[in-house]
Amino acid sequence: MTLTLEGERLPGRSCGAAPGFPGYDGIHVGVQRRAKPGELLGLTPGDARRATWTLECAAGPAPDGTTELTGRYVQGRPGDRFVYLSWGTVGEDGAFTMFRRAKLMLGAIAPAVLAAAVGSGRLTGRLGLTDAKGHPLCARVVPPAIRWTAG
């Protein structure tokens, strides 16, 4: 099954300091691989017009009998799966240093949408990547902040 994440309204490559946020330059975002926080898929500059990531995953039964997704980029325990978008800076040497993450909660996908996605083999999540303060989106992300649709 293919899971596509489509991000829009990125915050920019620089975000100034604010209460609780020290400010950063060289901002990028990518999808973090499970158990390998330094391995990112599709590292995208924070000033890109859009960001798109395509992940391969499998659908199977969760312990409670519902359907859940697993794969290289799917994190969490059974019944509590999610995908991490990792925000960080990229220095002149090309090194990525993470400073925050957004946790896209797969358990928040409506059961009918997930069932249709399993049937079609495609699931898409669309979301804005800037929070209300103009900073990179972080914390738990559930609808309506992300819109899930089947292929």
Protein backbone atom coordinates (compact mmCIF):
# COMPACT_ATOMS: atom_id res chain seq x y z
CA MET A 1 0.00 0.00 0.00
CA THR A 2 1.22 3.52 -0.80
CA LEU A 3 0.92 6.29 1.78
CA THR A 4 1.46 9.78 0.35
CA LEU A 5 1.89 12.82 2.58
CA GLU A 6 1.36 16.21 0.96
CA GLY A 7 2.48 19.23 2.92
CA GLU A 8 1.73 22.84 2.05
CA ARG A 9 2.26 26.23 3.71
CA LEU A 10 5.79 25.49 4.90
CA PRO A 11 7.15 27.94 7.51
CA GLY A 12 10.27 29.10 5.65
CA ARG A 13 13.98 28.40 6.04
CA SER A 14 14.24 30.77 9.00
CA CYS A 15 11.94 31.30 11.96
CA GLY A 16 12.74 33.99 14.51
CA ALA A 17 12.82 33.49 18.24
CA ALA A 18 9.59 33.66 20.24
CA PRO A 19 8.55 32.58 23.75
CA GLY A 20 9.28 28.85 23.98
CA PHE A 21 10.96 28.84 20.56
CA PRO A 22 14.64 29.83 20.20
CA GLY A 23 14.51 30.50 16.45
CA TYR A 24 16.34 28.60 13.72
CA ASP A 25 17.97 29.07 10.31
CA GLY A 26 18.43 26.45 7.61
CA ILE A 27 15.10 24.73 8.42
CA HIS A 28 14.26 21.47 6.60
CA VAL A 29 11.70 18.70 7.13
CA GLY A 30 11.67 14.98 6.30
CA VAL A 31 10.00 11.72 7.31
CA GLN A 32 11.90 9.87 10.02
CA ARG A 33 12.60 6.18 9.56
CA ARG A 34 11.49 3.86 12.39
CA ALA A 35 14.29 3.25 14.92
CA LYS A 36 16.69 5.40 12.84
CA PRO A 37 16.10 9.07 13.74
CA GLY A 38 19.05 10.19 11.61
CA GLU A 39 17.65 8.57 8.47
CA LEU A 40 15.17 10.87 6.77
CA LEU A 41 13.09 10.41 3.65
CA GLY A 42 12.68 13.38 1.31
CA LEU A 43 14.47 16.10 3.25
CA THR A 44 12.80 19.30 2.03
CA PRO A 45 13.79 22.94 2.61
CA GLY A 46 11.39 24.91 4.82
CA ASP A 47 10.83 27.48 2.07
CA ALA A 48 9.68 24.94 -0.54
CA ARG A 49 6.28 25.55 -2.08
CA ARG A 50 5.16 22.01 -1.22
CA ALA A 51 6.58 18.84 0.31
CA THR A 52 5.55 15.36 -0.78
CA TRP A 53 6.62 12.03 0.64
CA THR A 54 5.60 8.57 -0.59
CA LEU A 55 5.94 5.66 1.82
CA GLU A 56 5.35 1.99 1.26
CA CYS A 57 3.44 0.34 4.07
CA ALA A 58 1.32 -2.70 4.80
CA ALA A 59 -2.16 -2.91 6.27
CA GLY A 60 -2.90 -5.62 8.79
CA PRO A 61 -5.00 -6.40 11.85
CA ALA A 62 -4.37 -4.49 15.08
CA PRO A 63 -4.72 -6.26 18.45
CA ASP A 64 -8.21 -4.77 18.85
CA GLY A 65 -9.35 -6.14 15.48
CA THR A 66 -9.15 -2.85 13.59
CA THR A 67 -6.78 -2.27 10.69
CA GLU A 68 -3.42 -0.61 11.21
CA LEU A 69 -0.46 0.32 9.04
CA THR A 70 3.14 -0.82 9.43
CA GLY A 71 6.32 -0.14 7.47
CA ARG A 72 9.83 1.33 7.50
CA TYR A 73 8.56 4.82 8.32
CA VAL A 74 5.66 3.88 10.60
CA GLN A 75 6.44 4.35 14.29
CA GLY A 76 4.78 3.29 17.53
CA ARG A 77 3.30 0.25 19.18
CA PRO A 78 0.38 -1.79 17.89
CA GLY A 79 -2.79 0.25 18.23
CA ASP A 80 -0.85 3.53 18.42
CA ARG A 81 0.89 3.92 15.04
CA PHE A 82 2.12 7.21 13.61
CA VAL A 83 4.55 8.83 11.17
CA TYR A 84 7.10 11.41 12.33
CA LEU A 85 7.86 14.53 10.33
CA SER A 86 11.21 15.68 11.71
CA TRP A 87 12.12 19.36 11.61
CA GLY A 88 15.72 20.41 11.86
CA THR A 89 18.47 22.61 10.57
CA VAL A 90 20.92 21.72 7.84
CA GLY A 91 24.30 23.31 8.39
CA GLU A 92 26.89 24.28 5.82
CA ASP A 93 28.43 20.83 6.26
CA GLY A 94 25.09 19.22 5.26
CA ALA A 95 24.46 17.77 8.73
CA PHE A 96 20.85 17.65 9.93
CA THR A 97 20.12 18.60 13.55
CA MET A 98 16.55 17.91 14.65
CA PHE A 99 14.75 20.44 16.84
CA ARG A 100 11.10 19.30 16.75
CA ARG A 101 8.74 16.70 15.28
CA ALA A 102 5.15 16.39 14.17
CA LYS A 103 3.46 13.09 15.00
CA LEU A 104 0.89 12.16 12.32
CA MET A 105 -1.49 9.84 14.16
CA LEU A 106 -2.56 6.98 11.90
CA GLY A 107 -5.12 5.75 14.43
CA ALA A 108 -7.08 8.97 13.81
CA ILE A 109 -7.88 7.98 10.22
CA ALA A 110 -11.62 7.38 9.88
CA PRO A 111 -12.23 3.60 9.60
CA ALA A 112 -14.19 4.01 6.33
CA VAL A 113 -11.34 6.01 4.77
CA LEU A 114 -8.76 3.45 5.89
CA ALA A 115 -10.89 0.57 4.55
CA ALA A 116 -11.26 2.33 1.18
CA ALA A 117 -7.51 3.01 1.11
CA VAL A 118 -6.72 -0.63 1.79
CA GLY A 119 -9.03 -1.56 -1.08
CA SER A 120 -7.45 0.91 -3.51
CA GLY A 121 -3.89 0.51 -2.23
CA ARG A 122 -3.50 4.29 -1.76
CA LEU A 123 -3.88 6.61 1.21
CA THR A 124 -3.14 10.34 1.14
CA GLY A 125 -2.73 12.77 4.02
CA ARG A 126 -2.78 16.52 3.27
CA LEU A 127 -1.72 19.06 5.86
CA GLY A 128 -0.35 22.53 6.42
CA LEU A 129 3.15 22.50 7.88
CA THR A 130 3.09 25.83 9.71
CA ASP A 131 1.47 26.20 13.14
CA ALA A 132 -0.65 29.13 14.32
CA LYS A 133 2.49 30.98 15.52
CA GLY A 134 4.21 30.71 12.13
CA HIS A 135 6.60 27.98 13.33
CA PRO A 136 7.13 24.45 11.99
CA LEU A 137 4.15 22.25 12.86
CA CYS A 138 4.78 19.95 15.82
CA ALA A 139 3.06 17.70 18.38
CA ARG A 140 0.18 15.27 17.65
CA VAL A 141 -1.49 15.87 14.31
CA VAL A 142 -5.05 14.59 13.86
CA PRO A 143 -8.02 15.70 11.73
CA PRO A 144 -8.94 18.39 10.93
CA ALA A 145 -5.25 19.46 10.87
CA ILE A 146 -4.64 16.58 8.45
CA ARG A 147 -7.14 15.45 5.81
CA TRP A 148 -7.00 11.72 5.02
CA THR A 149 -8.40 10.41 1.73
CA ALA A 150 -8.33 7.04 -0.04
CA GLY A 151 -6.83 6.57 -3.51
